[in-house]
Protein backbone atom coordinates (compact mmCIF):
# COMPACT_ATOMS: atom_id res chain seq x y z
CA UNK A 1 50.19 13.24 1.36
CA UNK A 2 48.37 9.97 0.80
CA UNK A 3 46.99 10.21 4.33
CA UNK A 4 45.46 13.63 3.70
CA UNK A 5 43.81 12.35 0.54
CA UNK A 6 42.32 9.36 2.36
CA UNK A 7 40.95 11.60 5.12
CA UNK A 8 39.41 13.92 2.52
CA UNK A 9 37.75 10.97 0.80
CA UNK A 10 36.32 9.83 4.15
CA UNK A 11 34.44 13.16 4.46
CA UNK A 12 33.45 13.80 0.81
CA UNK A 13 32.17 10.34 -0.03
CA UNK A 14 29.34 10.31 2.57
CA UNK A 15 28.53 13.91 1.63
CA UNK A 16 28.16 13.02 -2.06
CA UNK A 17 25.94 10.10 -1.18
CA UNK A 18 23.79 12.32 1.00
CA UNK A 19 23.38 14.96 -1.67
CA UNK A 20 22.56 12.32 -4.28
CA UNK A 21 19.93 10.86 -1.99
CA UNK A 22 18.39 14.26 -1.37
CA UNK A 23 18.23 14.98 -5.13
CA UNK A 24 16.63 11.62 -5.81
CA UNK A 25 14.06 12.18 -3.06
CA UNK A 26 13.27 15.66 -4.42
CA UNK A 27 12.82 14.36 -7.93
CA UNK A 28 10.69 11.51 -6.68
CA UNK A 29 8.58 13.95 -4.67
CA UNK A 30 8.14 16.24 -7.69
CA UNK A 31 7.15 13.24 -9.78
CA UNK A 32 4.60 12.09 -7.23
CA UNK A 33 3.20 15.58 -6.79
CA UNK A 34 2.83 16.00 -10.53
CA UNK A 35 1.13 12.62 -10.83
CA UNK A 36 -1.39 13.04 -7.99
CA UNK A 37 -4.84 13.92 -9.29
CA UNK A 38 -6.28 16.09 -6.52
CA UNK A 39 -7.76 19.62 -6.53
CA UNK A 40 -5.56 20.60 -3.62
CA UNK A 41 -2.43 19.32 -5.33
CA UNK A 42 -3.53 20.96 -8.58
CA UNK A 43 -3.74 24.35 -6.85
CA UNK A 44 -0.30 23.75 -5.40
CA UNK A 45 1.09 22.92 -8.81
CA UNK A 46 -0.45 26.07 -10.29
CA UNK A 47 1.11 28.21 -7.56
CA UNK A 48 4.51 26.63 -8.16
CA UNK A 49 4.25 27.24 -11.90
CA UNK A 50 3.19 30.85 -11.38
CA UNK A 51 6.08 31.42 -9.05
CA UNK A 52 8.85 29.65 -10.95
CA UNK A 53 8.12 30.04 -14.66
CA UNK A 54 8.10 33.89 -14.90
CA UNK A 55 11.38 34.09 -13.08
CA UNK A 56 12.92 31.57 -15.54
CA UNK A 57 12.52 33.74 -18.63
CA UNK A 58 16.20 34.68 -18.51
CA UNK A 59 17.07 31.00 -18.85
CA UNK A 60 14.83 30.65 -21.89
CA UNK A 61 16.47 33.52 -23.79
CA UNK A 62 19.45 31.46 -25.07
CA UNK A 63 17.14 28.59 -25.99
CA UNK A 64 14.80 30.91 -27.88
CA UNK A 65 17.75 32.59 -29.64
CA UNK A 66 19.20 29.22 -30.64
CA UNK A 67 15.82 28.10 -32.00
CA UNK A 68 15.47 31.35 -33.98
CA UNK A 69 19.01 30.94 -35.31
CA UNK A 70 18.26 27.42 -36.51
CA UNK A 71 15.01 28.61 -38.07
CA UNK A 72 16.79 31.52 -39.81
CA UNK A 73 19.49 29.21 -41.13
CA UNK A 74 16.89 26.86 -42.56
CA UNK A 75 15.14 29.83 -44.17
CA UNK A 76 18.46 31.06 -45.62
CA UNK A 77 19.13 27.57 -47.00
CA UNK A 78 15.73 27.57 -48.71
CA UNK A 79 16.41 31.04 -50.13
CA UNK A 80 19.78 29.91 -51.45
CA UNK A 81 18.21 26.89 -53.16
CA UNK A 82 15.50 29.08 -54.67
CA UNK A 83 18.15 31.55 -55.86
CA UNK A 84 20.04 28.76 -57.62
CA UNK A 85 16.83 27.56 -59.29
CA UNK A 86 15.99 31.10 -60.42
CA UNK A 87 19.49 31.57 -61.85
CA UNK A 88 19.17 28.32 -63.78
CA UNK A 89 15.73 29.32 -65.09
CA UNK A 90 17.10 32.77 -66.02
CA UNK A 91 19.86 31.20 -68.12
CA UNK A 92 17.29 29.02 -69.87
CA UNK A 93 15.03 32.04 -70.46
CA UNK A 94 17.94 34.01 -71.93
CA UNK A 95 18.59 31.19 -74.39
CA UNK A 96 14.89 31.16 -75.34
CA UNK A 97 14.95 34.95 -75.66
CA UNK A 98 17.90 34.79 -78.07
CA UNK A 99 16.15 32.09 -80.10
CA UNK A 100 12.95 34.16 -80.16
CA UNK A 101 14.84 37.25 -81.35
CA UNK A 102 16.49 35.28 -84.14
CA UNK A 103 13.15 33.84 -85.22
CA UNK A 104 11.63 37.31 -85.10
CA UNK A 105 14.39 38.71 -87.32
CA UNK A 106 14.03 35.83 -89.79
CA UNK A 107 10.27 36.32 -89.82
CA UNK A 108 10.69 40.05 -90.50
CA UNK A 109 13.03 39.35 -93.42
CA UNK A 110 10.66 36.77 -94.88
CA UNK A 111 7.81 39.28 -94.57
CA UNK A 112 9.97 41.83 -96.39
CA UNK A 113 10.48 39.34 -99.19
CA UNK A 114 6.74 38.79 -99.44
CA UNK A 115 6.04 42.53 -99.56
CA UNK A 116 8.33 43.25 -102.52
CA UNK A 117 6.28 44.09 -105.60
CA UNK A 118 7.68 42.67 -108.82
CA UNK A 119 6.68 42.46 -112.43
CA UNK A 120 3.88 39.88 -112.71
CA UNK A 121 5.84 38.19 -115.48
CA UNK A 122 8.67 37.46 -113.04
CA UNK A 123 8.59 34.42 -110.80
CA UNK A 124 11.06 33.71 -108.03
CA UNK A 125 12.45 31.15 -105.63
CA UNK A 126 13.78 31.95 -102.16
CA UNK A 127 17.05 30.45 -100.95
CA UNK A 128 18.96 30.51 -97.66
CA UNK A 129 22.39 32.17 -97.64
CA UNK A 130 25.22 29.79 -96.75
CA UNK A 131 28.82 30.53 -95.79
CA UNK A 132 31.18 31.50 -98.60
CA UNK A 133 33.24 28.48 -99.60
CA UNK A 134 36.05 30.62 -100.99
CA UNK A 135 36.79 31.63 -104.58
CA UNK A 136 38.65 34.29 -106.60
CA UNK A 137 35.67 36.60 -106.00
CA UNK A 138 35.99 38.72 -102.88
CA UNK A 139 32.29 39.54 -102.45
CA UNK A 140 30.14 36.45 -102.94
CA UNK A 141 27.83 34.11 -101.06
CA UNK A 142 26.34 30.67 -101.61
CA UNK A 143 22.65 29.78 -101.77
CA UNK A 144 21.12 26.39 -101.00
CA UNK A 145 19.34 26.29 -104.36
CA UNK A 146 20.80 25.10 -107.65
CA UNK A 147 20.13 23.21 -110.86
CA UNK A 148 17.52 20.98 -109.23
CA UNK A 149 15.52 24.16 -108.56
CA UNK A 150 15.95 25.46 -112.12
CA UNK A 151 18.48 28.18 -111.25
CA UNK A 152 20.41 29.65 -114.19
CA UNK A 153 23.51 31.81 -114.47
CA UNK A 154 22.90 35.53 -114.71
CA UNK A 155 19.61 35.71 -112.79
CA UNK A 156 19.21 38.61 -110.39
CA UNK A 157 18.93 38.14 -106.62
CA UNK A 158 17.22 40.43 -104.11
CA UNK A 159 16.68 40.60 -100.38
CA UNK A 160 13.53 42.09 -98.86
CA UNK A 161 14.06 45.50 -100.50
CA UNK A 162 16.76 45.85 -103.13
CA UNK A 163 19.07 44.09 -105.57
CA UNK A 164 21.89 42.08 -104.00
CA UNK A 165 23.72 40.64 -107.02
CA UNK A 166 23.48 38.02 -109.70
CA UNK A 167 23.95 34.28 -110.04
CA UNK A 168 27.39 33.30 -111.33
CA UNK A 169 28.01 29.59 -111.04
CA UNK A 170 25.35 26.92 -110.46
CA UNK A 171 25.81 23.46 -108.97
CA UNK A 172 23.31 20.65 -108.46
CA UNK A 173 22.31 21.89 -104.98
CA UNK A 174 23.98 25.30 -104.61
CA UNK A 175 24.47 28.53 -106.53
CA UNK A 176 27.01 31.32 -106.13
CA UNK A 177 25.87 34.94 -105.99
CA UNK A 178 28.28 37.70 -106.99
CA UNK A 179 27.33 40.69 -104.86
CA UNK A 180 26.96 44.19 -106.26
CA UNK A 181 29.80 45.30 -103.99
CA UNK A 182 32.31 43.04 -105.76
CA UNK A 183 34.90 44.76 -107.93
CA UNK A 184 33.91 42.63 -110.95
CA UNK A 185 30.21 43.59 -110.76
CA UNK A 186 28.70 46.14 -113.15
CA UNK A 187 24.94 46.72 -113.50
CA UNK A 188 23.23 49.12 -115.95
CA UNK A 189 20.96 51.46 -114.03
CA UNK A 190 18.59 54.38 -114.40
CA UNK A 191 18.59 57.33 -112.00
CA UNK A 192 15.17 58.74 -111.21
CA UNK A 193 13.59 61.22 -111.68
CA UNK A 194 16.11 62.62 -114.19
CA UNK A 195 16.17 59.40 -116.25
CA UNK A 196 19.96 59.46 -116.54
CA UNK A 197 21.56 56.11 -117.35
CA UNK A 198 24.72 54.96 -115.64
CA UNK A 199 26.72 51.90 -114.73
CA UNK A 200 26.84 50.87 -111.07
CA UNK A 201 30.24 49.24 -110.51
CA UNK A 202 31.41 47.61 -107.32
CA UNK A 203 34.75 48.36 -105.71
CA UNK A 204 34.65 46.04 -102.68
CA UNK A 205 33.01 48.74 -100.53
CA UNK A 206 29.48 49.00 -99.21
CA UNK A 207 28.71 51.88 -101.63
CA UNK A 208 29.38 51.08 -105.32
CA UNK A 209 30.41 53.93 -107.57
CA UNK A 210 28.37 55.54 -110.37
CA UNK A 211 30.21 55.41 -113.71
CA UNK A 212 29.50 56.61 -117.27
CA UNK A 213 26.90 59.14 -116.17
CA UNK A 214 25.55 61.24 -119.06
CA UNK A 215 24.92 64.54 -117.25
CA UNK A 216 26.07 64.83 -113.67
CA UNK A 217 24.32 68.16 -113.16
CA UNK A 218 20.91 66.48 -113.36
CA UNK A 219 21.70 64.05 -110.53
CA UNK A 220 21.26 64.94 -106.86
CA UNK A 221 21.99 63.00 -103.66
CA UNK A 222 18.89 61.07 -102.65
CA UNK A 223 17.81 60.27 -106.22
CA UNK A 224 16.43 56.76 -106.67
CA UNK A 225 18.52 54.19 -108.58
CA UNK A 226 16.84 51.24 -110.33
CA UNK A 227 17.97 48.68 -112.88
CA UNK A 228 17.54 49.84 -116.48
CA UNK A 229 17.20 46.40 -118.10
CA UNK A 230 19.85 47.24 -120.70
CA UNK A 231 21.65 44.18 -122.01
CA UNK A 232 18.76 41.89 -121.19
CA UNK A 233 20.48 40.32 -118.17
CA UNK A 234 18.60 42.13 -115.41
CA UNK A 235 14.90 43.00 -115.62
CA UNK A 236 14.23 46.72 -115.45
CA UNK A 237 12.75 48.58 -112.49
CA UNK A 238 14.43 46.68 -109.65
CA UNK A 239 15.42 48.94 -106.76
CA UNK A 240 19.16 49.33 -106.20
CA UNK A 241 19.44 52.26 -103.79
CA UNK A 242 19.88 56.02 -103.59
CA UNK A 243 22.51 58.41 -104.86
CA UNK A 244 25.00 59.66 -102.29
CA UNK A 245 28.22 61.65 -102.49
CA UNK A 246 31.48 60.69 -100.79
CA UNK A 247 33.84 63.27 -99.20
CA UNK A 248 35.83 63.41 -102.45
CA UNK A 249 32.76 64.50 -104.44
CA UNK A 250 32.37 61.17 -106.23
CA UNK A 251 28.85 59.86 -106.74
CA UNK A 252 28.06 56.54 -105.13
CA UNK A 253 24.98 54.42 -104.39
CA UNK A 254 23.74 53.74 -100.87
CA UNK A 255 22.36 50.25 -101.39
CA UNK A 256 18.86 49.48 -100.16
CA UNK A 257 19.69 45.83 -99.46
CA UNK A 258 21.11 45.03 -96.02
CA UNK A 259 24.41 43.37 -96.94
CA UNK A 260 25.41 42.91 -93.30
CA UNK A 261 22.52 40.51 -92.61
CA UNK A 262 21.91 38.45 -95.71
CA UNK A 263 19.96 35.36 -94.66
CA UNK A 264 17.35 34.87 -97.37
CA UNK A 265 17.65 35.86 -101.04
CA UNK A 266 15.02 35.85 -103.74
CA UNK A 267 16.25 34.58 -107.10
CA UNK A 268 14.22 36.11 -109.95
CA UNK A 269 13.37 33.75 -112.78
CA UNK A 270 13.97 36.02 -115.75
CA UNK A 271 13.38 33.71 -118.72
CA UNK A 272 13.71 36.58 -121.20
CA UNK A 273 17.41 36.84 -120.40
CA UNK A 274 19.83 35.22 -122.85
CA UNK A 275 21.17 31.82 -121.85
CA UNK A 276 24.73 32.15 -120.56
CA UNK A 277 26.99 29.17 -121.01
CA UNK A 278 30.13 30.77 -119.55
CA UNK A 279 29.58 32.44 -116.15
CA UNK A 280 32.89 34.27 -116.47
CA UNK A 281 31.51 36.13 -119.46
CA UNK A 282 29.13 38.00 -117.20
CA UNK A 283 31.86 39.93 -115.46
CA UNK A 284 34.76 39.58 -117.88
CA UNK A 285 35.84 42.22 -120.40
CA UNK A 286 34.16 42.20 -123.80
CA UNK A 287 36.40 40.94 -126.60
CA UNK A 288 36.80 43.22 -129.65
CA UNK A 289 34.91 42.11 -132.72
CA UNK A 290 38.09 41.93 -134.81
CA UNK A 291 39.45 39.34 -132.44
CA UNK A 292 36.27 37.26 -132.74
CA UNK A 293 36.33 37.27 -136.63
CA UNK A 294 38.49 34.49 -138.10
CA UNK A 295 41.17 35.69 -140.54
CA UNK A 296 40.51 35.25 -144.22
CA UNK A 297 42.52 32.62 -145.97
CA UNK A 298 43.84 33.51 -149.42
CA UNK A 299 43.54 31.32 -152.49
CA UNK A 300 47.24 31.39 -152.75
């Protein structure tokens, strides 16, 4: 076995050397031919190129395909990077869009406040609605204005269109507003055009009820409801809403103010109103006069 291998090596080794020498000579000849600067050699080179290159197109197909694949991959990579950048910019634009919509809504509400026509004798101050801090009242909000701004108990508050409630509780920097929808709220009102007087009382719903109406037959759904000014707490003529009727036939008021989006409230400075020292007296029951009169003491 070792003998056969040695004999095979004796034949293959000279053959390999011969083939290697032939390849080297061919390459050297091609190099010399390609380096010779002669018109005759140039024509020979042109003939060789014309004969060999067209027939080698099949060999260039894989190379061309590989180059196109690399080029397509690079293009896909660039598209992926651009897609990521566009997604990031889209998220930023959505955030700016949301901020722009909020600013637009706030601007619209402020414009509504500016367009409300009030009695020239009334002045006002606008406050921003804050979160409710919690109290026995179920329907109330806080404003960022208080005693430092001259706010007093009992003053009416409005949004861009209608009455929202009244001030009940003032601190140095904040004031509490009892909304018209609260069960302890009651506002004297006039129904137009019939001129009927009534009391608009809240019941913790979005549509307060109409109580103590003089003549119900003169009132129709859609009639305008404004403050009457009775009692001297609220100025007269402030818009409250319109008369509506619930499924049970009870008259209610569809409020003009948007209670779902209270952001800015206008506090009306009504200096003709009596000064209230006890905020609870605004919404509490009236005490009978007999209870307020001290008993007479006999000479006895």
